[in-house]
């Protein structure tokens, strides 16, 4: 397959410019070498000016650890030894005991199951879906859901549309509830500090490992993709920076901030661990090996190797009152500065949860993005005569 070079064009730089038309507004045009382009829908908006922040100084980067599983009766800690991205990279990650518990629903084209698995010893619940038509095995996509109140969250919540879409388009779909959610173990960290979603990131990674260790016939673990929404985008960025060679492709949908301080300051002050976190870490750092920087994926964006699609909604602050869409724009500028392989798509009529036609457009773009990158990996595997199975 001829490779298409995907480039982000935001002109003039450093400001964003919007071109108005009868039905099209463009805040970002993704240029292909064949001169086609991907644009956004919506009414024309006034120009939005954004000056990207100065990049933070680099922090220390640890090598990816070669981890041997511990004795089966001594599961490793479910918490990183230190609350840092690099500690997450190096800690033992053991996902085991993937179980189909009960059939949840079945359509003419796919089936869903309630599942459990072990994440460094913790029992985690979730949902697994795969097609019932066509021939497998199917590429695997991990869904990372956003924040919901723990007392209202039920297994599989927040990603029903996405599970159905992916299963209907030829994917084995894995949705982890994470620790604390639904029927999962709590996994309380006795340090009582904000962990920047690293605990949930452990559970997401281990979901893939548990599935791929079980090797169900429907799942092709040589083709792995990631899809994260909101807080799940934050979790996705933790995975993409700490484990940069695990995924073939990724989509981040209205993601939270890459700086853990911004997420904590917006949502977590009043949590039980809030006062203790401020007492130990203080407020926003500006430089150096500060805890807030070390627990933030944004400090390590240069580690990302996975081709990524980034989607955000309206920038006016009225349609998305949950996660400021400007955070996604900041991420786009930083990825562009780092010359990462990514595309940016903006939907000026959408809020935090996209509605049609934008949601369907996002999913179709994501499907194309995943399939194209799977094809590239297959070609590279044939050329190198190596396996892509990461475990």
Protein backbone atom coordinates (compact mmCIF):
# COMPACT_ATOMS: atom_id res chain seq x y z
CA UNK A 1 0.00 0.00 0.00
CA UNK A 2 1.30 3.43 -0.91
CA UNK A 3 1.82 5.35 2.28
CA UNK A 4 0.01 8.68 2.63
CA UNK A 5 1.93 11.27 4.59
CA UNK A 6 -0.47 12.97 7.04
CA UNK A 7 0.48 16.53 7.94
CA UNK A 8 -1.28 19.03 10.19
CA UNK A 9 -1.61 22.49 8.67
CA UNK A 10 -2.70 25.31 11.00
CA UNK A 11 -2.18 28.61 9.24
CA UNK A 12 -1.03 31.18 10.11
CA UNK A 13 1.12 29.86 12.92
CA UNK A 14 0.99 30.43 15.86
CA UNK A 15 -2.62 31.59 15.46
CA UNK A 16 -5.50 29.42 14.30
CA UNK A 17 -7.35 30.63 11.24
CA UNK A 18 -10.84 29.58 10.19
CA UNK A 19 -12.12 29.72 6.66
CA UNK A 20 -15.88 30.21 6.33
CA UNK A 21 -18.10 28.78 3.63
CA UNK A 22 -21.70 27.88 3.03
CA UNK A 23 -21.46 24.60 4.92
CA UNK A 24 -17.79 24.09 5.77
CA UNK A 25 -15.63 25.57 8.47
CA UNK A 26 -11.98 24.57 8.52
CA UNK A 27 -9.81 25.05 11.57
CA UNK A 28 -7.37 22.33 10.57
CA UNK A 29 -6.79 20.79 7.17
CA UNK A 30 -5.09 17.42 7.02
CA UNK A 31 -3.09 17.42 3.79
CA UNK A 32 -2.40 14.13 2.02
CA UNK A 33 0.23 13.57 -0.61
CA UNK A 34 -2.56 12.78 -3.08
CA UNK A 35 -3.95 16.32 -2.51
CA UNK A 36 -7.10 15.15 -0.74
CA UNK A 37 -8.01 16.78 2.54
CA UNK A 38 -10.07 16.14 5.63
CA UNK A 39 -12.12 19.07 6.84
CA UNK A 40 -14.70 19.79 9.48
CA UNK A 41 -18.40 20.59 9.33
CA UNK A 42 -20.21 23.61 10.66
CA UNK A 43 -21.01 27.26 10.34
CA UNK A 44 -18.25 29.80 9.96
CA UNK A 45 -16.79 31.05 13.25
CA UNK A 46 -14.79 34.12 14.08
CA UNK A 47 -11.01 33.62 14.01
CA UNK A 48 -9.64 32.15 17.22
CA UNK A 49 -6.20 33.22 18.35
CA UNK A 50 -4.10 30.87 20.42
CA UNK A 51 -0.49 31.31 21.44
CA UNK A 52 1.04 27.96 22.36
CA UNK A 53 2.93 27.81 25.66
CA UNK A 54 6.66 27.43 25.75
CA UNK A 55 7.55 23.74 25.84
CA UNK A 56 8.54 22.49 29.29
CA UNK A 57 12.12 21.41 29.87
CA UNK A 58 12.75 17.70 29.34
CA UNK A 59 12.51 15.26 32.20
CA UNK A 60 14.42 12.05 32.67
CA UNK A 61 13.27 9.15 30.50
CA UNK A 62 13.59 5.58 31.66
CA UNK A 63 14.14 2.61 29.35
CA UNK A 64 11.25 0.23 28.85
CA UNK A 65 11.64 -2.48 31.45
CA UNK A 66 11.95 -6.12 30.51
CA UNK A 67 9.60 -7.56 33.10
CA UNK A 68 9.44 -11.21 34.13
CA UNK A 69 6.17 -12.29 35.81
CA UNK A 70 6.49 -12.87 39.55
CA UNK A 71 5.45 -16.09 41.23
CA UNK A 72 1.73 -16.73 40.53
CA UNK A 73 0.80 -16.56 44.23
CA UNK A 74 2.52 -13.19 44.74
CA UNK A 75 0.88 -10.64 42.42
CA UNK A 76 2.82 -7.40 41.96
CA UNK A 77 1.52 -4.20 43.47
CA UNK A 78 -1.32 -2.64 41.47
CA UNK A 79 0.25 0.80 42.02
CA UNK A 80 3.39 2.25 40.44
CA UNK A 81 6.19 2.37 43.04
CA UNK A 82 6.42 6.09 42.31
CA UNK A 83 3.62 8.20 40.90
CA UNK A 84 5.41 8.97 37.66
CA UNK A 85 5.00 8.04 34.01
CA UNK A 86 8.42 6.42 34.03
CA UNK A 87 7.58 4.31 37.06
CA UNK A 88 4.47 3.13 35.21
CA UNK A 89 6.75 2.24 32.30
CA UNK A 90 9.07 0.13 34.42
CA UNK A 91 6.69 -1.53 36.90
CA UNK A 92 5.62 -5.17 36.48
CA UNK A 93 2.34 -5.27 34.55
CA UNK A 94 0.58 -8.61 34.82
CA UNK A 95 -2.84 -9.08 33.25
CA UNK A 96 -4.25 -12.58 33.73
CA UNK A 97 -7.35 -14.76 34.08
CA UNK A 98 -9.50 -13.28 31.30
CA UNK A 99 -13.00 -14.73 31.73
CA UNK A 100 -16.24 -14.48 29.77
CA UNK A 101 -18.86 -14.28 32.53
CA UNK A 102 -22.16 -14.03 30.66
CA UNK A 103 -23.54 -13.03 27.30
CA UNK A 104 -24.75 -9.47 27.62
CA UNK A 105 -26.44 -8.89 24.29
CA UNK A 106 -26.43 -10.26 20.75
CA UNK A 107 -27.40 -8.62 17.46
CA UNK A 108 -27.38 -9.88 13.90
CA UNK A 109 -23.79 -8.71 13.54
CA UNK A 110 -22.00 -8.87 16.94
CA UNK A 111 -22.10 -10.22 20.46
CA UNK A 112 -21.11 -8.65 23.80
CA UNK A 113 -20.03 -10.38 27.01
CA UNK A 114 -19.54 -9.30 30.58
CA UNK A 115 -15.96 -10.14 31.51
CA UNK A 116 -13.52 -10.15 34.39
CA UNK A 117 -9.73 -10.27 34.49
CA UNK A 118 -6.91 -9.73 36.96
CA UNK A 119 -4.82 -6.55 36.87
CA UNK A 120 -1.75 -7.05 39.06
CA UNK A 121 -4.00 -9.13 41.29
CA UNK A 122 -7.04 -6.83 41.32
CA UNK A 123 -10.30 -8.23 39.94
CA UNK A 124 -11.50 -5.89 37.17
CA UNK A 125 -14.82 -6.07 35.34
CA UNK A 126 -15.57 -4.96 31.81
CA UNK A 127 -17.17 -5.80 28.46
CA UNK A 128 -15.82 -7.71 25.47
CA UNK A 129 -17.45 -7.67 22.01
CA UNK A 130 -16.65 -9.20 18.63
CA UNK A 131 -18.33 -9.70 15.26
CA UNK A 132 -20.55 -12.69 14.55
CA UNK A 133 -20.31 -12.37 10.77
CA UNK A 134 -17.26 -12.56 8.53
CA UNK A 135 -13.99 -14.25 9.28
CA UNK A 136 -11.63 -13.49 12.14
CA UNK A 137 -9.41 -13.17 13.96
CA UNK A 138 -10.20 -9.51 14.42
CA UNK A 139 -7.87 -6.63 15.32
CA UNK A 140 -8.25 -5.52 18.94
CA UNK A 141 -9.29 -2.05 20.09
CA UNK A 142 -9.17 -1.06 23.76
CA UNK A 143 -11.81 1.49 24.80
CA UNK A 144 -10.88 3.86 27.64
CA UNK A 145 -14.03 5.47 29.02
CA UNK A 146 -14.25 8.90 30.63
CA UNK A 147 -15.10 9.93 34.17
CA UNK A 148 -18.45 9.04 35.69
CA UNK A 149 -19.60 9.17 39.34
CA UNK A 150 -18.69 5.83 40.88
CA UNK A 151 -22.14 5.45 42.40
CA UNK A 152 -23.80 5.81 39.00
CA UNK A 153 -21.33 3.99 36.77
CA UNK A 154 -22.38 0.52 35.58
CA UNK A 155 -20.24 -1.95 33.67
CA UNK A 156 -19.59 -0.84 30.11
CA UNK A 157 -21.04 2.62 30.71
CA UNK A 158 -20.20 5.47 28.34
CA UNK A 159 -18.99 3.49 25.32
CA UNK A 160 -22.03 1.52 24.07
CA UNK A 161 -22.10 3.35 20.72
CA UNK A 162 -18.39 2.85 20.17
CA UNK A 163 -18.47 -0.85 21.12
CA UNK A 164 -21.28 -1.51 18.65
CA UNK A 165 -19.59 0.46 15.86
CA UNK A 166 -16.24 -1.27 16.22
CA UNK A 167 -17.75 -4.76 16.59
CA UNK A 168 -19.89 -4.15 13.51
CA UNK A 169 -16.81 -3.02 11.57
CA UNK A 170 -14.65 -6.03 12.27
CA UNK A 171 -12.93 -5.49 15.64
CA UNK A 172 -12.61 -7.40 18.87
CA UNK A 173 -13.51 -4.69 21.38
CA UNK A 174 -12.29 -4.55 24.97
CA UNK A 175 -13.82 -2.12 27.47
CA UNK A 176 -12.24 -2.08 30.93
CA UNK A 177 -14.30 -0.65 33.77
CA UNK A 178 -11.03 0.07 35.72
CA UNK A 179 -10.55 -0.38 39.45
CA UNK A 180 -13.21 1.17 41.71
CA UNK A 181 -15.82 0.99 38.93
CA UNK A 182 -18.82 -1.36 38.69
CA UNK A 183 -17.84 -4.77 40.12
CA UNK A 184 -14.08 -4.16 40.17
CA UNK A 185 -11.89 -4.28 43.25
CA UNK A 186 -11.22 -0.89 44.80
CA UNK A 187 -7.43 -1.03 44.76
CA UNK A 188 -7.00 1.83 47.23
CA UNK A 189 -3.51 3.36 47.20
CA UNK A 190 -2.41 3.91 50.81
CA UNK A 191 -0.34 6.94 49.80
CA UNK A 192 -3.62 8.87 49.43
CA UNK A 193 -2.31 11.02 46.57
CA UNK A 194 -3.73 11.94 43.18
CA UNK A 195 -2.16 9.51 40.73
CA UNK A 196 -2.91 11.22 37.42
CA UNK A 197 -5.03 8.17 36.34
CA UNK A 198 -1.97 5.90 36.46
CA UNK A 199 -3.93 3.23 38.36
CA UNK A 200 -6.60 3.17 35.65
CA UNK A 201 -3.81 3.08 33.05
CA UNK A 202 -2.39 -0.05 34.72
CA UNK A 203 -5.83 -1.69 34.40
CA UNK A 204 -6.21 -0.67 30.76
CA UNK A 205 -2.82 -2.08 29.79
CA UNK A 206 -3.46 -5.25 31.77
CA UNK A 207 -6.83 -5.74 30.05
CA UNK A 208 -4.98 -6.12 26.76
CA UNK A 209 -2.40 -8.40 28.33
CA UNK A 210 -5.08 -10.59 29.92
CA UNK A 211 -7.00 -10.88 26.65
CA UNK A 212 -3.91 -11.56 24.57
CA UNK A 213 -2.56 -14.09 27.04
CA UNK A 214 -5.89 -15.96 26.85
CA UNK A 215 -5.67 -15.75 23.04
CA UNK A 216 -9.36 -16.17 22.18
CA UNK A 217 -9.82 -17.21 18.57
CA UNK A 218 -11.60 -13.95 17.72
CA UNK A 219 -8.73 -11.62 18.75
CA UNK A 220 -5.68 -10.78 16.64
CA UNK A 221 -3.28 -9.29 19.17
CA UNK A 222 -0.74 -8.45 16.48
CA UNK A 223 -3.07 -5.57 15.55
CA UNK A 224 -3.83 -3.28 18.50
CA UNK A 225 -5.54 0.10 18.59
CA UNK A 226 -6.56 2.50 21.35
CA UNK A 227 -9.63 4.74 21.62
CA UNK A 228 -9.97 7.10 24.60
CA UNK A 229 -12.59 9.70 25.49
CA UNK A 230 -12.16 12.53 28.02
CA UNK A 231 -10.43 11.03 31.08
CA UNK A 232 -9.93 7.98 28.85
CA UNK A 233 -7.90 10.22 26.55
CA UNK A 234 -5.69 11.07 29.52
CA UNK A 235 -5.32 7.34 30.22
CA UNK A 236 -4.56 6.79 26.54
CA UNK A 237 -1.79 9.39 26.64
CA UNK A 238 -0.29 7.68 29.69
CA UNK A 239 -0.18 4.47 27.68
CA UNK A 240 1.17 6.10 24.52
CA UNK A 241 4.01 7.80 26.39
CA UNK A 242 4.91 5.02 28.84
CA UNK A 243 4.50 2.13 26.36
CA UNK A 244 5.08 3.75 22.97
CA UNK A 245 5.43 0.58 20.89
CA UNK A 246 2.31 -1.26 22.10
CA UNK A 247 -0.31 0.23 19.75
CA UNK A 248 -0.47 0.47 15.97
CA UNK A 249 -2.90 3.42 16.02
CA UNK A 250 -4.79 5.60 18.49
CA UNK A 251 -7.73 8.00 18.65
CA UNK A 252 -8.14 10.65 21.36
CA UNK A 253 -11.68 12.05 21.57
CA UNK A 254 -12.09 15.32 23.54
CA UNK A 255 -9.20 14.31 25.83
CA UNK A 256 -8.42 15.72 29.25
CA UNK A 257 -5.25 17.74 29.74
CA UNK A 258 -1.79 16.24 29.38
CA UNK A 259 -0.73 18.15 32.51
CA UNK A 260 -1.97 16.39 35.65
CA UNK A 261 -2.08 19.68 37.56
CA UNK A 262 -4.75 21.09 35.22
CA UNK A 263 -6.93 18.00 35.66
CA UNK A 264 -6.48 18.02 39.43
CA UNK A 265 -7.12 21.75 39.69
CA UNK A 266 -10.33 21.52 37.66
CA UNK A 267 -11.88 18.42 39.22
CA UNK A 268 -9.99 16.81 42.09
CA UNK A 269 -9.43 19.45 44.80
CA UNK A 270 -12.37 18.19 46.83
CA UNK A 271 -11.55 14.49 46.60
CA UNK A 272 -10.36 12.79 49.82
CA UNK A 273 -6.79 12.79 48.53
CA UNK A 274 -6.92 16.46 47.45
CA UNK A 275 -5.59 18.18 50.61
CA UNK A 276 -2.88 15.56 51.10
CA UNK A 277 -1.77 15.93 47.48
CA UNK A 278 -1.47 19.70 47.81
CA UNK A 279 0.40 19.33 51.09
CA UNK A 280 2.98 17.01 49.52
CA UNK A 281 3.24 18.42 46.01
CA UNK A 282 2.15 22.04 46.24
CA UNK A 283 0.65 23.78 43.25
CA UNK A 284 1.53 24.03 39.58
CA UNK A 285 5.24 23.54 38.84
CA UNK A 286 7.10 25.53 36.21
CA UNK A 287 10.21 23.44 35.67
CA UNK A 288 12.42 20.62 36.83
CA UNK A 289 11.75 17.13 38.19
CA UNK A 290 8.64 18.19 40.06
CA UNK A 291 6.00 15.55 41.03
CA UNK A 292 3.30 17.27 38.97
CA UNK A 293 5.51 17.12 35.88
CA UNK A 294 6.67 13.56 36.45
CA UNK A 295 3.10 12.22 36.73
CA UNK A 296 2.02 14.08 33.54
CA UNK A 297 2.02 12.51 30.09
CA UNK A 298 2.60 15.98 28.66
CA UNK A 299 6.16 15.91 29.97
CA UNK A 300 6.88 12.89 27.77
CA UNK A 301 4.99 13.59 24.54
CA UNK A 302 8.22 13.16 22.62
CA UNK A 303 8.05 9.46 23.52
CA UNK A 304 4.91 8.91 21.44
CA UNK A 305 5.43 6.70 18.39
CA UNK A 306 1.82 5.75 17.64
CA UNK A 307 -0.02 7.45 14.74
CA UNK A 308 -2.82 9.36 16.45
CA UNK A 309 -6.11 11.01 15.51
CA UNK A 310 -7.17 13.90 17.77
CA UNK A 311 -10.80 15.13 17.81
CA UNK A 312 -12.22 18.14 19.67
CA UNK A 313 -15.54 19.96 19.75
CA UNK A 314 -16.52 23.61 19.96
CA UNK A 315 -13.98 26.08 21.32
CA UNK A 316 -16.59 28.53 22.64
CA UNK A 317 -16.71 26.84 26.06
CA UNK A 318 -20.51 26.56 25.89
CA UNK A 319 -21.02 23.25 24.07
CA UNK A 320 -18.29 21.34 25.95
CA UNK A 321 -18.57 22.42 29.57
CA UNK A 322 -16.75 19.30 30.81
CA UNK A 323 -13.31 19.41 29.18
CA UNK A 324 -12.16 22.68 27.57
CA UNK A 325 -11.67 21.98 23.87
CA UNK A 326 -8.77 24.44 23.98
CA UNK A 327 -6.84 21.72 25.81
CA UNK A 328 -7.05 19.60 22.67
CA UNK A 329 -5.80 22.51 20.58
CA UNK A 330 -2.83 22.94 22.93
CA UNK A 331 -2.06 19.25 22.52
CA UNK A 332 -2.24 19.59 18.73
CA UNK A 333 0.28 22.44 18.77
CA UNK A 334 2.65 20.48 20.97
CA UNK A 335 2.42 17.35 18.81
CA UNK A 336 3.01 19.49 15.76
CA UNK A 337 6.06 21.11 17.33
CA UNK A 338 7.41 17.64 18.13
CA UNK A 339 6.70 16.55 14.52
CA UNK A 340 4.57 13.64 15.63
CA UNK A 341 2.45 11.58 13.25
CA UNK A 342 -1.04 12.83 14.05
CA UNK A 343 -4.15 14.40 12.54
CA UNK A 344 -6.41 16.99 14.16
CA UNK A 345 -10.14 17.30 13.43
CA UNK A 346 -12.38 19.99 14.90
CA UNK A 347 -16.18 19.90 15.08
CA UNK A 348 -17.46 23.41 15.92
CA UNK A 349 -21.03 22.22 16.50
CA UNK A 350 -20.24 19.41 18.94
CA UNK A 351 -19.96 19.30 22.70
CA UNK A 352 -18.12 16.82 24.89
CA UNK A 353 -20.12 13.87 23.53
CA UNK A 354 -20.37 14.22 19.77
CA UNK A 355 -23.76 13.81 18.10
CA UNK A 356 -24.43 12.89 14.50
CA UNK A 357 -23.30 13.67 11.91
CA UNK A 358 -20.03 14.45 13.73
CA UNK A 359 -19.91 11.25 15.79
CA UNK A 360 -20.36 9.03 12.73
CA UNK A 361 -17.79 11.08 10.84
CA UNK A 362 -15.32 10.65 13.72
CA UNK A 363 -15.88 6.90 13.86
CA UNK A 364 -15.52 6.45 10.10
CA UNK A 365 -12.29 8.45 10.15
CA UNK A 366 -11.07 6.37 13.08
CA UNK A 367 -11.89 3.10 11.30
CA UNK A 368 -9.97 4.23 8.21
CA UNK A 369 -7.06 5.41 10.38
CA UNK A 370 -6.87 2.09 12.24
CA UNK A 371 -7.10 -0.05 9.11
CA UNK A 372 -4.49 1.92 7.22
CA UNK A 373 -2.01 1.65 10.09
CA UNK A 374 -2.73 -2.05 10.56
CA UNK A 375 -1.86 -2.51 6.88
CA UNK A 376 1.41 -0.66 7.38
CA UNK A 377 2.32 -2.88 10.32
CA UNK A 378 1.55 -6.04 8.36
CA UNK A 379 3.81 -4.89 5.52
CA UNK A 380 6.58 -4.05 8.00
CA UNK A 381 6.18 -7.42 9.75
CA UNK A 382 6.54 -9.30 6.47
CA UNK A 383 9.61 -7.24 5.62
CA UNK A 384 11.24 -7.72 9.04
CA UNK A 385 10.01 -11.29 9.60
CA UNK A 386 9.21 -10.40 13.22
CA UNK A 387 6.08 -10.61 15.34
CA UNK A 388 4.18 -7.58 16.55
CA UNK A 389 2.78 -9.38 19.58
CA UNK A 390 4.05 -7.14 22.43
CA UNK A 391 3.90 -9.54 25.35
